[in-house]
Amino acid sequence: GLMDCDIYGPSVPLMMGLDGRPEIEGEGADAMLVPM
């Protein structure tokens, strides 16, 4: 896994060839983001 914590200048999506939005599983306090 690769967690991009460069909040102000995230460049990992470009370098990995990824775009779009992550999906969500669950709801409310149990909701989880699914990594791309």
Full PDB file with SEQRES, HELIX, SHEET, SSBOND, CRYST1, ORIGX, SCALE, CONECT and MASTER records, all heavy atoms in Angstrom:
SEQRES   1 A   36  GLY LEU MET ASP CYS ASP ILE TYR GLY PRO SER VAL PRO          
SEQRES   2 A   36  LEU MET MET GLY LEU ASP GLY ARG PRO GLU ILE GLU GLY          
SEQRES   3 A   36  GLU GLY ALA ASP ALA MET LEU VAL PRO MET                      
HELIX    1 AA1 VAL A   12  MET A   16  1                                   5    
HELIX    2 AA2 GLY A   28  ASP A   30  5                                   3    
SHEET    1 AA1 2 GLU A  23  GLU A  25  0                                        
SHEET    2 AA1 2 MET A  32  VAL A  34 -1                                        
CRYST1    1.000    1.000    1.000  90.00  90.00  90.00 P 1           1          
ORIGX1      1.000000  0.000000  0.000000        0.00000                         
ORIGX2      0.000000  1.000000  0.000000        0.00000                         
ORIGX3      0.000000  0.000000  1.000000        0.00000                         
SCALE1      1.000000  0.000000  0.000000        0.00000                         
SCALE2      0.000000  1.000000  0.000000        0.00000                         
SCALE3      0.000000  0.000000  1.000000        0.00000                         
ATOM      1  N   GLY A   1       0.830  -1.198   0.000  1.00  0.00           N  
ATOM      2  CA  GLY A   1       0.000   0.000   0.000  1.00  0.00           C  
ATOM      3  C   GLY A   1       0.862   1.245   0.000  1.00  0.00           C  
ATOM      4  O   GLY A   1       2.002   1.223   0.480  1.00  0.00           O  
ATOM      5  N   LEU A   2       0.318   2.324  -0.536  1.00  0.00           N  
ATOM      6  CA  LEU A   2       1.012   3.615  -0.558  1.00  0.00           C  
ATOM      7  C   LEU A   2       0.035   4.687  -0.098  1.00  0.00           C  
ATOM      8  O   LEU A   2      -0.969   4.932  -0.760  1.00  0.00           O  
ATOM      9  CB  LEU A   2       1.539   3.922  -1.961  1.00  0.00           C  
ATOM     10  CG  LEU A   2       2.236   5.274  -2.165  1.00  0.00           C  
ATOM     11  CD1 LEU A   2       3.413   5.429  -1.206  1.00  0.00           C  
ATOM     12  CD2 LEU A   2       2.703   5.421  -3.613  1.00  0.00           C  
ATOM     13  N   MET A   3       0.316   5.286   1.040  1.00  0.00           N  
ATOM     14  CA  MET A   3      -0.536   6.316   1.610  1.00  0.00           C  
ATOM     15  C   MET A   3       0.129   7.674   1.410  1.00  0.00           C  
ATOM     16  O   MET A   3       1.190   7.942   1.976  1.00  0.00           O  
ATOM     17  CB  MET A   3      -0.787   6.046   3.103  1.00  0.00           C  
ATOM     18  CG  MET A   3      -1.778   6.989   3.745  1.00  0.00           C  
ATOM     19  SD  MET A   3      -2.343   6.379   5.362  1.00  0.00           S  
ATOM     20  CE  MET A   3      -0.928   6.731   6.386  1.00  0.00           C  
ATOM     21  N   ASP A   4      -0.473   8.499   0.581  1.00  0.00           N  
ATOM     22  CA  ASP A   4       0.078   9.814   0.236  1.00  0.00           C  
ATOM     23  C   ASP A   4      -0.402  10.838   1.251  1.00  0.00           C  
ATOM     24  O   ASP A   4      -1.526  11.315   1.185  1.00  0.00           O  
ATOM     25  CB  ASP A   4      -0.376  10.187  -1.186  1.00  0.00           C  
ATOM     26  CG  ASP A   4       0.188  11.523  -1.639  1.00  0.00           C  
ATOM     27  OD1 ASP A   4       1.049  12.082  -0.939  1.00  0.00           O  
ATOM     28  OD2 ASP A   4      -0.247  12.012  -2.705  1.00  0.00           O  
ATOM     29  N   CYS A   5       0.461  11.169   2.202  1.00  0.00           N  
ATOM     30  CA  CYS A   5       0.111  12.134   3.242  1.00  0.00           C  
ATOM     31  C   CYS A   5       0.638  13.530   2.938  1.00  0.00           C  
ATOM     32  O   CYS A   5       0.660  14.389   3.836  1.00  0.00           O  
ATOM     33  CB  CYS A   5       0.642  11.668   4.593  1.00  0.00           C  
ATOM     34  SG  CYS A   5      -0.334  10.356   5.329  1.00  0.00           S  
ATOM     35  N   ASP A   6       1.089  13.746   1.711  1.00  0.00           N  
ATOM     36  CA  ASP A   6       1.513  15.100   1.322  1.00  0.00           C  
ATOM     37  C   ASP A   6       0.247  15.899   1.036  1.00  0.00           C  
ATOM     38  O   ASP A   6      -0.188  16.026  -0.115  1.00  0.00           O  
ATOM     39  CB  ASP A   6       2.429  15.040   0.105  1.00  0.00           C  
ATOM     40  CG  ASP A   6       3.226  16.327  -0.060  1.00  0.00           C  
ATOM     41  OD1 ASP A   6       2.798  17.356   0.508  1.00  0.00           O  
ATOM     42  OD2 ASP A   6       4.252  16.310  -0.745  1.00  0.00           O  
ATOM     43  N   ILE A   7      -0.370  16.419   2.090  1.00  0.00           N  
ATOM     44  CA  ILE A   7      -1.688  17.031   2.012  1.00  0.00           C  
ATOM     45  C   ILE A   7      -1.711  18.219   1.056  1.00  0.00           C  
ATOM     46  O   ILE A   7      -2.648  18.395   0.268  1.00  0.00           O  
ATOM     47  CB  ILE A   7      -2.158  17.479   3.414  1.00  0.00           C  
ATOM     48  CG1 ILE A   7      -2.114  16.303   4.399  1.00  0.00           C  
ATOM     49  CG2 ILE A   7      -3.546  18.091   3.350  1.00  0.00           C  
ATOM     50  CD1 ILE A   7      -3.022  15.165   4.045  1.00  0.00           C  
ATOM     51  N   TYR A   8      -0.675  19.048   1.104  1.00  0.00           N  
ATOM     52  CA  TYR A   8      -0.693  20.285   0.323  1.00  0.00           C  
ATOM     53  C   TYR A   8      -0.311  20.083  -1.144  1.00  0.00           C  
ATOM     54  O   TYR A   8      -0.762  20.829  -2.010  1.00  0.00           O  
ATOM     55  CB  TYR A   8       0.267  21.307   0.952  1.00  0.00           C  
ATOM     56  CG  TYR A   8      -0.125  21.722   2.346  1.00  0.00           C  
ATOM     57  CD1 TYR A   8       0.683  21.435   3.436  1.00  0.00           C  
ATOM     58  CD2 TYR A   8      -1.322  22.398   2.578  1.00  0.00           C  
ATOM     59  CE1 TYR A   8       0.322  21.811   4.724  1.00  0.00           C  
ATOM     60  CE2 TYR A   8      -1.692  22.782   3.849  1.00  0.00           C  
ATOM     61  CZ  TYR A   8      -0.864  22.488   4.921  1.00  0.00           C  
ATOM     62  OH  TYR A   8      -1.235  22.847   6.182  1.00  0.00           O  
ATOM     63  N   GLY A   9       0.512  19.087  -1.423  1.00  0.00           N  
ATOM     64  CA  GLY A   9       0.938  18.885  -2.807  1.00  0.00           C  
ATOM     65  C   GLY A   9       0.937  17.425  -3.196  1.00  0.00           C  
ATOM     66  O   GLY A   9       2.002  16.848  -3.487  1.00  0.00           O  
ATOM     67  N   PRO A  10      -0.227  16.770  -3.207  1.00  0.00           N  
ATOM     68  CA  PRO A  10      -0.268  15.335  -3.535  1.00  0.00           C  
ATOM     69  C   PRO A  10       0.055  15.074  -4.999  1.00  0.00           C  
ATOM     70  O   PRO A  10      -0.681  15.494  -5.885  1.00  0.00           O  
ATOM     71  CB  PRO A  10      -1.716  14.952  -3.201  1.00  0.00           C  
ATOM     72  CG  PRO A  10      -2.502  16.229  -3.353  1.00  0.00           C  
ATOM     73  CD  PRO A  10      -1.578  17.326  -2.947  1.00  0.00           C  
ATOM     74  N   SER A  11       1.148  14.375  -5.250  1.00  0.00           N  
ATOM     75  CA  SER A  11       1.554  14.081  -6.631  1.00  0.00           C  
ATOM     76  C   SER A  11       1.519  12.593  -6.934  1.00  0.00           C  
ATOM     77  O   SER A  11       1.743  12.188  -8.083  1.00  0.00           O  
ATOM     78  CB  SER A  11       2.971  14.619  -6.883  1.00  0.00           C  
ATOM     79  OG  SER A  11       3.884  14.119  -5.930  1.00  0.00           O  
ATOM     80  N   VAL A  12       1.234  11.772  -5.942  1.00  0.00           N  
ATOM     81  CA  VAL A  12       1.216  10.323  -6.147  1.00  0.00           C  
ATOM     82  C   VAL A  12       0.183   9.890  -7.192  1.00  0.00           C  
ATOM     83  O   VAL A  12       0.487   9.016  -8.027  1.00  0.00           O  
ATOM     84  CB  VAL A  12       0.995   9.601  -4.805  1.00  0.00           C  
ATOM     85  CG1 VAL A  12       0.654   8.137  -5.022  1.00  0.00           C  
ATOM     86  CG2 VAL A  12       2.240   9.727  -3.936  1.00  0.00           C  
ATOM     87  N   PRO A  13      -1.055  10.447  -7.199  1.00  0.00           N  
ATOM     88  CA  PRO A  13      -2.013  10.013  -8.225  1.00  0.00           C  
ATOM     89  C   PRO A  13      -1.482  10.180  -9.651  1.00  0.00           C  
ATOM     90  O   PRO A  13      -1.647   9.280 -10.484  1.00  0.00           O  
ATOM     91  CB  PRO A  13      -3.226  10.916  -7.975  1.00  0.00           C  
ATOM     92  CG  PRO A  13      -3.163  11.225  -6.514  1.00  0.00           C  
ATOM     93  CD  PRO A  13      -1.688  11.366  -6.229  1.00  0.00           C  
ATOM     94  N   LEU A  14      -0.842  11.303  -9.940  1.00  0.00           N  
ATOM     95  CA  LEU A  14      -0.266  11.525 -11.269  1.00  0.00           C  
ATOM     96  C   LEU A  14       0.800  10.483 -11.572  1.00  0.00           C  
ATOM     97  O   LEU A  14       0.802   9.870 -12.645  1.00  0.00           O  
ATOM     98  CB  LEU A  14       0.340  12.925 -11.349  1.00  0.00           C  
ATOM     99  CG  LEU A  14       1.188  13.226 -12.598  1.00  0.00           C  
ATOM    100  CD1 LEU A  14       0.316  13.252 -13.847  1.00  0.00           C  
ATOM    101  CD2 LEU A  14       1.947  14.541 -12.436  1.00  0.00           C  
ATOM    102  N   MET A  15       1.703  10.267 -10.640  1.00  0.00           N  
ATOM    103  CA  MET A  15       2.817   9.360 -10.874  1.00  0.00           C  
ATOM    104  C   MET A  15       2.379   7.908 -10.996  1.00  0.00           C  
ATOM    105  O   MET A  15       3.041   7.105 -11.663  1.00  0.00           O  
ATOM    106  CB  MET A  15       3.848   9.493  -9.744  1.00  0.00           C  
ATOM    107  CG  MET A  15       4.522  10.847  -9.686  1.00  0.00           C  
ATOM    108  SD  MET A  15       5.727  10.923  -8.341  1.00  0.00           S  
ATOM    109  CE  MET A  15       6.248  12.636  -8.489  1.00  0.00           C  
ATOM    110  N   MET A  16       1.253   7.560 -10.340  1.00  0.00           N  
ATOM    111  CA  MET A  16       0.750   6.192 -10.421  1.00  0.00           C  
ATOM    112  C   MET A  16      -0.254   6.011 -11.555  1.00  0.00           C  
ATOM    113  O   MET A  16      -0.740   4.898 -11.791  1.00  0.00           O  
ATOM    114  CB  MET A  16       0.096   5.802  -9.097  1.00  0.00           C  
ATOM    115  CG  MET A  16       1.083   5.626  -7.959  1.00  0.00           C  
ATOM    116  SD  MET A  16       2.212   4.221  -8.174  1.00  0.00           S  
ATOM    117  CE  MET A  16       1.091   2.839  -7.947  1.00  0.00           C  
ATOM    118  N   GLY A  17      -0.584   7.099 -12.268  1.00  0.00           N  
ATOM    119  CA  GLY A  17      -1.533   6.996 -13.370  1.00  0.00           C  
ATOM    120  C   GLY A  17      -2.954   6.762 -12.909  1.00  0.00           C  
ATOM    121  O   GLY A  17      -3.726   6.057 -13.561  1.00  0.00           O  
ATOM    122  N   LEU A  18      -3.332   7.367 -11.767  1.00  0.00           N  
ATOM    123  CA  LEU A  18      -4.658   7.178 -11.192  1.00  0.00           C  
ATOM    124  C   LEU A  18      -5.426   8.482 -11.170  1.00  0.00           C  
ATOM    125  O   LEU A  18      -4.861   9.553 -10.930  1.00  0.00           O  
ATOM    126  CB  LEU A  18      -4.547   6.645  -9.752  1.00  0.00           C  
ATOM    127  CG  LEU A  18      -4.075   5.200  -9.584  1.00  0.00           C  
ATOM    128  CD1 LEU A  18      -3.740   4.924  -8.135  1.00  0.00           C  
ATOM    129  CD2 LEU A  18      -5.147   4.230 -10.069  1.00  0.00           C  
ATOM    130  N   ASP A  19      -6.740   8.407 -11.416  1.00  0.00           N  
ATOM    131  CA  ASP A  19      -7.612   9.561 -11.230  1.00  0.00           C  
ATOM    132  C   ASP A  19      -8.982   9.042 -10.814  1.00  0.00           C  
ATOM    133  O   ASP A  19      -9.207   7.843 -10.689  1.00  0.00           O  
ATOM    134  CB  ASP A  19      -7.696  10.431 -12.491  1.00  0.00           C  
ATOM    135  CG  ASP A  19      -8.134   9.639 -13.712  1.00  0.00           C  
ATOM    136  OD1 ASP A  19      -8.754   8.559 -13.541  1.00  0.00           O  
ATOM    137  OD2 ASP A  19      -7.880  10.087 -14.834  1.00  0.00           O  
ATOM    138  N   GLY A  20      -9.912   9.964 -10.590  1.00  0.00           N  
ATOM    139  CA  GLY A  20     -11.238   9.567 -10.131  1.00  0.00           C  
ATOM    140  C   GLY A  20     -11.336   9.629  -8.626  1.00  0.00           C  
ATOM    141  O   GLY A  20     -10.478  10.205  -7.939  1.00  0.00           O  
ATOM    142  N   ARG A  21     -12.401   9.017  -8.087  1.00  0.00           N  
ATOM    143  CA  ARG A  21     -12.674   9.054  -6.652  1.00  0.00           C  
ATOM    144  C   ARG A  21     -12.726   7.635  -6.091  1.00  0.00           C  
ATOM    145  O   ARG A  21     -13.208   6.719  -6.756  1.00  0.00           O  
ATOM    146  CB  ARG A  21     -14.019   9.733  -6.374  1.00  0.00           C  
ATOM    147  CG  ARG A  21     -14.173  11.117  -7.000  1.00  0.00           C  
ATOM    148  CD  ARG A  21     -13.266  12.138  -6.352  1.00  0.00           C  
ATOM    149  NE  ARG A  21     -13.511  13.474  -6.893  1.00  0.00           N  
ATOM    150  CZ  ARG A  21     -12.803  14.547  -6.579  1.00  0.00           C  
ATOM    151  NH1 ARG A  21     -11.798  14.443  -5.730  1.00  0.00           N  
ATOM    152  NH2 ARG A  21     -13.086  15.726  -7.107  1.00  0.00           N  
ATOM    153  N   PRO A  22     -12.259   7.454  -4.858  1.00  0.00           N  
ATOM    154  CA  PRO A  22     -12.363   6.127  -4.246  1.00  0.00           C  
ATOM    155  C   PRO A  22     -13.796   5.793  -3.882  1.00  0.00           C  
ATOM    156  O   PRO A  22     -14.601   6.678  -3.592  1.00  0.00           O  
ATOM    157  CB  PRO A  22     -11.498   6.253  -2.985  1.00  0.00           C  
ATOM    158  CG  PRO A  22     -11.501   7.715  -2.669  1.00  0.00           C  
ATOM    159  CD  PRO A  22     -11.579   8.424  -3.995  1.00  0.00           C  
ATOM    160  N   GLU A  23     -14.141   4.522  -3.906  1.00  0.00           N  
ATOM    161  CA  GLU A  23     -15.471   4.083  -3.518  1.00  0.00           C  
ATOM    162  C   GLU A  23     -15.592   4.048  -1.998  1.00  0.00           C  
ATOM    163  O   GLU A  23     -14.593   4.068  -1.278  1.00  0.00           O  
ATOM    164  CB  GLU A  23     -15.756   2.692  -4.099  1.00  0.00           C  
ATOM    165  CG  GLU A  23     -15.814   2.659  -5.618  1.00  0.00           C  
ATOM    166  CD  GLU A  23     -16.157   1.283  -6.143  1.00  0.00           C  
ATOM    167  OE1 GLU A  23     -16.284   0.353  -5.315  1.00  0.00           O  
ATOM    168  OE2 GLU A  23     -16.285   1.132  -7.368  1.00  0.00           O  
ATOM    169  N   ILE A  24     -16.839   3.992  -1.528  1.00  0.00           N  
ATOM    170  CA  ILE A  24     -17.112   3.939  -0.098  1.00  0.00           C  
ATOM    171  C   ILE A  24     -17.855   2.653   0.208  1.00  0.00           C  
ATOM    172  O   ILE A  24     -18.764   2.265  -0.520  1.00  0.00           O  
ATOM    173  CB  ILE A  24     -17.991   5.128   0.359  1.00  0.00           C  
ATOM    174  CG1 ILE A  24     -17.376   6.443  -0.076  1.00  0.00           C  
ATOM    175  CG2 ILE A  24     -18.210   5.091   1.863  1.00  0.00           C  
ATOM    176  CD1 ILE A  24     -18.282   7.629   0.139  1.00  0.00           C  
ATOM    177  N   GLU A  25     -17.451   1.987   1.273  1.00  0.00           N  
ATOM    178  CA  GLU A  25     -18.176   0.830   1.764  1.00  0.00           C  
ATOM    179  C   GLU A  25     -18.665   1.128   3.174  1.00  0.00           C  
ATOM    180  O   GLU A  25     -17.926   1.673   3.993  1.00  0.00           O  
ATOM    181  CB  GLU A  25     -17.284  -0.418   1.778  1.00  0.00           C  
ATOM    182  CG  GLU A  25     -16.982  -0.957   0.392  1.00  0.00           C  
ATOM    183  CD  GLU A  25     -16.317  -2.318   0.445  1.00  0.00           C  
ATOM    184  OE1 GLU A  25     -16.192  -2.862   1.567  1.00  0.00           O  
ATOM    185  OE2 GLU A  25     -15.918  -2.829  -0.609  1.00  0.00           O  
ATOM    186  N   GLY A  26     -19.904   0.767   3.452  1.00  0.00           N  
ATOM    187  CA  GLY A  26     -20.471   1.040   4.761  1.00  0.00           C  
ATOM    188  C   GLY A  26     -21.069   2.426   4.817  1.00  0.00           C  
ATOM    189  O   GLY A  26     -21.200   3.126   3.811  1.00  0.00           O  
ATOM    190  N   GLU A  27     -21.451   2.853   5.995  1.00  0.00           N  
ATOM    191  CA  GLU A  27     -22.080   4.155   6.163  1.00  0.00           C  
ATOM    192  C   GLU A  27     -21.816   4.683   7.566  1.00  0.00           C  
ATOM    193  O   GLU A  27     -21.424   3.957   8.475  1.00  0.00           O  
ATOM    194  CB  GLU A  27     -23.602   4.077   5.923  1.00  0.00           C  
ATOM    195  CG  GLU A  27     -24.351   3.190   6.877  1.00  0.00           C  
ATOM    196  CD  GLU A  27     -24.131   1.716   6.596  1.00  0.00           C  
ATOM    197  OE1 GLU A  27     -24.026   1.335   5.415  1.00  0.00           O  
ATOM    198  OE2 GLU A  27     -24.030   0.967   7.575  1.00  0.00           O  
ATOM    199  N   GLY A  28     -22.023   5.983   7.696  1.00  0.00           N  
ATOM    200  CA  GLY A  28     -21.864   6.632   8.990  1.00  0.00           C  
ATOM    201  C   GLY A  28     -20.475   6.429   9.561  1.00  0.00           C  
ATOM    202  O   GLY A  28     -19.466   6.523   8.861  1.00  0.00           O  
ATOM    203  N   ALA A  29     -20.412   6.120  10.861  1.00  0.00           N  
ATOM    204  CA  ALA A  29     -19.134   5.951  11.533  1.00  0.00           C  
ATOM    205  C   ALA A  29     -18.379   4.719  11.040  1.00  0.00           C  
ATOM    206  O   ALA A  29     -17.166   4.608  11.233  1.00  0.00           O  
ATOM    207  CB  ALA A  29     -19.347   5.856  13.045  1.00  0.00           C  
ATOM    208  N   ASP A  30     -19.088   3.765  10.400  1.00  0.00           N  
ATOM    209  CA  ASP A  30     -18.455   2.541   9.922  1.00  0.00           C  
ATOM    210  C   ASP A  30     -18.034   2.625   8.454  1.00  0.00           C  
ATOM    211  O   ASP A  30     -17.544   1.642   7.890  1.00  0.00           O  
ATOM    212  CB  ASP A  30     -19.405   1.351  10.094  1.00  0.00           C  
ATOM    213  CG  ASP A  30     -19.713   1.073  11.554  1.00  0.00           C  
ATOM    214  OD1 ASP A  30     -18.793   1.235  12.384  1.00  0.00           O  
ATOM    215  OD2 ASP A  30     -20.860   0.718  11.870  1.00  0.00           O  
ATOM    216  N   ALA A  31     -18.238   3.772   7.811  1.00  0.00           N  
ATOM    217  CA  ALA A  31     -17.908   3.904   6.390  1.00  0.00           C  
ATOM    218  C   ALA A  31     -16.392   3.815   6.182  1.00  0.00           C  
ATOM    219  O   ALA A  31     -15.609   4.334   6.978  1.00  0.00           O  
ATOM    220  CB  ALA A  31     -18.431   5.230   5.860  1.00  0.00           C  
ATOM    221  N   MET A  32     -15.997   3.129   5.130  1.00  0.00           N  
ATOM    222  CA  MET A  32     -14.590   2.941   4.806  1.00  0.00           C  
ATOM    223  C   MET A  32     -14.338   3.337   3.358  1.00  0.00           C  
ATOM    224  O   MET A  32     -15.126   3.006   2.461  1.00  0.00           O  
ATOM    225  CB  MET A  32     -14.176   1.485   5.005  1.00  0.00           C  
ATOM    226  CG  MET A  32     -14.395   0.937   6.413  1.00  0.00           C  
ATOM    227  SD  MET A  32     -13.175   1.564   7.591  1.00  0.00           S  
ATOM    228  CE  MET A  32     -11.740   0.602   7.124  1.00  0.00           C  
ATOM    229  N   LEU A  33     -13.251   4.045   3.121  1.00  0.00           N  
ATOM    230  CA  LEU A  33     -12.813   4.353   1.767  1.00  0.00           C  
ATOM    231  C   LEU A  33     -12.037   3.159   1.218  1.00  0.00           C  
ATOM    232  O   LEU A  33     -11.231   2.554   1.926  1.00  0.00           O  
ATOM    233  CB  LEU A  33     -11.925   5.591   1.759  1.00  0.00           C  
ATOM    234  CG  LEU A  33     -12.597   6.933   2.068  1.00  0.00           C  
ATOM    235  CD1 LEU A  33     -11.542   8.009   2.265  1.00  0.00           C  
ATOM    236  CD2 LEU A  33     -13.533   7.329   0.949  1.00  0.00           C  
ATOM    237  N   VAL A  34     -12.290   2.817  -0.032  1.00  0.00           N  
ATOM    238  CA  VAL A  34     -11.587   1.705  -0.675  1.00  0.00           C  
ATOM    239  C   VAL A  34     -10.448   2.288  -1.513  1.00  0.00           C  
ATOM    240  O   VAL A  34     -10.687   3.081  -2.427  1.00  0.00           O  
ATOM    241  CB  VAL A  34     -12.536   0.897  -1.578  1.00  0.00           C  
ATOM    242  CG1 VAL A  34     -11.782  -0.247  -2.238  1.00  0.00           C  
ATOM    243  CG2 VAL A  34     -13.716   0.374  -0.770  1.00  0.00           C  
ATOM    244  N   PRO A  35      -9.200   1.943  -1.203  1.00  0.00           N  
ATOM    245  CA  PRO A  35      -8.077   2.517  -1.961  1.00  0.00           C  
ATOM    246  C   PRO A  35      -8.128   2.113  -3.424  1.00  0.00           C  
ATOM    247  O   PRO A  35      -8.615   1.039  -3.776  1.00  0.00           O  
ATOM    248  CB  PRO A  35      -6.844   1.935  -1.250  1.00  0.00           C  
ATOM    249  CG  PRO A  35      -7.332   0.704  -0.572  1.00  0.00           C  
ATOM    250  CD  PRO A  35      -8.759   0.979  -0.192  1.00  0.00           C  
ATOM    251  N   MET A  36      -7.624   2.986  -4.281  1.00  0.00           N  
ATOM    252  CA  MET A  36      -7.501   2.657  -5.691  1.00  0.00           C  
ATOM    253  C   MET A  36      -6.230   1.837  -5.893  1.00  0.00           C  
ATOM    254  O   MET A  36      -5.321   1.868  -5.049  1.00  0.00           O  
ATOM    255  CB  MET A  36      -7.489   3.940  -6.531  1.00  0.00           C  
ATOM    256  CG  MET A  36      -8.709   4.815  -6.272  1.00  0.00           C  
ATOM    257  SD  MET A  36      -8.763   6.326  -7.262  1.00  0.00           S  
ATOM    258  CE  MET A  36      -9.344   5.663  -8.804  1.00  0.00           C  
TER     259      MET A  36                                                      
MASTER        0    0    0    2    2    0    0    6  258    1    0    3          
END                                                                             
